[in-house]
C-alpha atoms as a PDB file:
ATOM      1  CA  MET A   1      34.600 -60.862  41.232  1.00  0.00           C
ATOM      2  CA  LYS A   2      31.633 -60.855  38.898  1.00  0.00           C
ATOM      3  CA  ASN A   3      29.720 -58.431  41.201  1.00  0.00           C
ATOM      4  CA  GLU A   4      32.676 -56.089  41.364  1.00  0.00           C
ATOM      5  CA  GLU A   5      33.016 -56.087  37.579  1.00  0.00           C
ATOM      6  CA  ARG A   6      29.330 -55.383  37.175  1.00  0.00           C
ATOM      7  CA  LEU A   7      29.509 -52.631  39.786  1.00  0.00           C
ATOM      8  CA  ILE A   8      32.405 -51.062  37.908  1.00  0.00           C
ATOM      9  CA  GLU A   9      30.418 -51.325  34.611  1.00  0.00           C
ATOM     10  CA  VAL A  10      27.390 -49.657  36.243  1.00  0.00           C
ATOM     11  CA  MET A  11      29.525 -46.850  37.753  1.00  0.00           C
ATOM     12  CA  ALA A  12      31.239 -46.319  34.358  1.00  0.00           C
ATOM     13  CA  GLU A  13      27.822 -46.057  32.664  1.00  0.00           C
ATOM     14  CA  LEU A  14      26.591 -43.624  35.269  1.00  0.00           C
ATOM     15  CA  LEU A  15      29.741 -41.514  34.888  1.00  0.00           C
ATOM     16  CA  ALA A  16      29.267 -41.425  31.112  1.00  0.00           C
ATOM     17  CA  GLU A  17      25.619 -40.355  31.554  1.00  0.00           C
ATOM     18  CA  VAL A  18      26.583 -37.671  34.079  1.00  0.00           C
ATOM     19  CA  HIS A  19      29.280 -36.423  31.638  1.00  0.00           C
ATOM     20  CA  GLU A  20      26.742 -36.363  28.775  1.00  0.00           C
ATOM     21  CA  MET A  21      24.254 -34.461  30.985  1.00  0.00           C
ATOM     22  CA  ARG A  22      26.897 -31.897  31.872  1.00  0.00           C
ATOM     23  CA  VAL A  23      27.800 -31.418  28.205  1.00  0.00           C
ATOM     24  CA  ASP A  24      24.076 -31.065  27.364  1.00  0.00           C
ATOM     25  CA  MET A  25      23.630 -28.596  30.196  1.00  0.00           C
ATOM     26  CA  LYS A  26      26.662 -26.566  29.153  1.00  0.00           C
ATOM     27  CA  THR A  27      25.354 -26.365  25.553  1.00  0.00           C
ATOM     28  CA  GLN A  28      21.885 -25.325  26.893  1.00  0.00           C
ATOM     29  CA  MET A  29      23.438 -22.632  29.059  1.00  0.00           C
ATOM     30  CA  ARG A  30      25.550 -21.346  26.140  1.00  0.00           C
ATOM     31  CA  ASP A  31      22.363 -21.142  23.996  1.00  0.00           C
ATOM     32  CA  LEU A  32      20.465 -19.461  26.771  1.00  0.00           C
ATOM     33  CA  ASN A  33      23.191 -16.895  27.236  1.00  0.00           C
ATOM     34  CA  THR A  34      23.311 -16.260  23.487  1.00  0.00           C
ATOM     35  CA  GLY A  35      19.486 -15.844  23.488  1.00  0.00           C
ATOM     36  CA  MET A  36      19.606 -13.489  26.450  1.00  0.00           C
ATOM     37  CA  THR A  37      22.302 -11.381  24.740  1.00  0.00           C
ATOM     38  CA  ASP A  38      20.136 -11.178  21.636  1.00  0.00           C
ATOM     39  CA  LEU A  39      17.117 -10.287  23.734  1.00  0.00           C
ATOM     40  CA  ASN A  40      19.023  -7.570  25.588  1.00  0.00           C
ATOM     41  CA  LYS A  41      20.097  -6.026  22.249  1.00  0.00           C
ATOM     42  CA  ARG A  42      16.514  -6.047  21.019  1.00  0.00           C
ATOM     43  CA  VAL A  43      15.242  -4.476  24.251  1.00  0.00           C
ATOM     44  CA  GLY A  44      17.958  -1.814  23.912  1.00  0.00           C
ATOM     45  CA  ARG A  45      16.853  -1.045  20.368  1.00  0.00           C
ATOM     46  CA  LEU A  46      13.223  -0.913  21.485  1.00  0.00           C
ATOM     47  CA  GLU A  47      14.098   1.488  24.295  1.00  0.00           C
ATOM     48  CA  ASP A  48      16.029   3.756  21.850  1.00  0.00           C
ATOM     49  CA  GLN A  49      13.060   3.658  19.472  1.00  0.00           C
ATOM     50  CA  GLN A  50      10.624   4.466  22.342  1.00  0.00           C
ATOM     51  CA  VAL A  51      12.710   7.531  23.289  1.00  0.00           C
ATOM     52  CA  LYS A  52      12.608   8.702  19.636  1.00  0.00           C
ATOM     53  CA  THR A  53       8.874   8.037  19.438  1.00  0.00           C
ATOM     54  CA  ASN A  54       8.267   9.957  22.657  1.00  0.00           C
ATOM     55  CA  MET A  55      10.205  12.937  21.394  1.00  0.00           C
ATOM     56  CA  GLU A  56       8.336  12.960  18.065  1.00  0.00           C
ATOM     57  CA  LEU A  57       5.044  12.722  19.940  1.00  0.00           C
ATOM     58  CA  GLY A  58       6.067  15.708  22.018  1.00  0.00           C
ATOM     59  CA  GLU A  59       6.847  17.666  18.846  1.00  0.00           C
ATOM     60  CA  LEU A  60       3.540  16.665  17.310  1.00  0.00           C
ATOM     61  CA  ARG A  61       1.697  17.805  20.487  1.00  0.00           C
ATOM     62  CA  LEU A  62       3.384  21.149  20.339  1.00  0.00           C
ATOM     63  CA  SER A  63       2.548  21.453  16.580  1.00  0.00           C
ATOM     64  CA  VAL A  64      -1.092  20.678  17.269  1.00  0.00           C
ATOM     65  CA  MET A  65      -1.173  23.212  20.086  1.00  0.00           C
ATOM     66  CA  ARG A  66       0.343  25.835  17.776  1.00  0.00           C
ATOM     67  CA  LEU A  67      -2.207  25.031  15.091  1.00  0.00           C
ATOM     68  CA  ALA A  68      -5.034  25.279  17.567  1.00  0.00           C
ATOM     69  CA  ASP A  69      -3.711  28.661  18.693  1.00  0.00           C
ATOM     70  CA  PHE A  70      -3.319  29.780  15.047  1.00  0.00           C
ATOM     71  CA  ASN A  71      -6.832  28.608  14.334  1.00  0.00           C
ATOM     72  CA  ASP A  72      -8.191  30.663  17.261  1.00  0.00           C
ATOM     73  CA  ARG A  73      -6.323  33.703  16.053  1.00  0.00           C
ATOM     74  CA  ILE A  74      -7.772  33.301  12.543  1.00  0.00           C
ATOM     75  CA  ILE A  75     -11.305  32.902  13.948  1.00  0.00           C
ATOM     76  CA  ARG A  76     -10.905  36.123  15.957  1.00  0.00           C
ATOM     77  CA  LEU A  77      -9.461  37.936  12.996  1.00  0.00           C
ATOM     78  CA  GLU A  78     -12.327  36.766  10.737  1.00  0.00           C
ATOM     79  CA  ASP A  79     -14.830  37.860  13.377  1.00  0.00           C
ATOM     80  CA  THR A  80     -13.211  41.284  13.603  1.00  0.00           C
ATOM     81  CA  VAL A  81     -12.907  41.732   9.804  1.00  0.00           C
ATOM     82  CA  PHE A  82     -16.440  40.534   9.035  1.00  0.00           C
ATOM     83  CA  ARG A  83     -17.959  42.704  11.804  1.00  0.00           C
ATOM     84  CA  ARG A  84     -16.252  45.738  10.355  1.00  0.00           C
ATOM     85  CA  ALA A  85     -17.324  44.792   6.829  1.00  0.00           C
ATOM     86  CA  SER A  86     -20.942  44.404   7.851  1.00  0.00           C
END
């Protein structure tokens, strides 16, 4: 009888430990899911910002190209004007 009672005690302790492990695992999974949700939101915001940055870089590139073209025109105009003035 003593062995059976001890066996029941051990099994009850194991069951309590398994239950505690499941509760801990469930909490960890909930925290992980929350972290993943937050991470996905951050990645989404970073992707949106990257799109905006790429568009702005494209606009800056076009502006620089226009300025370079404008600069070339001014140089040709100056050359023409100064040749005639000489």
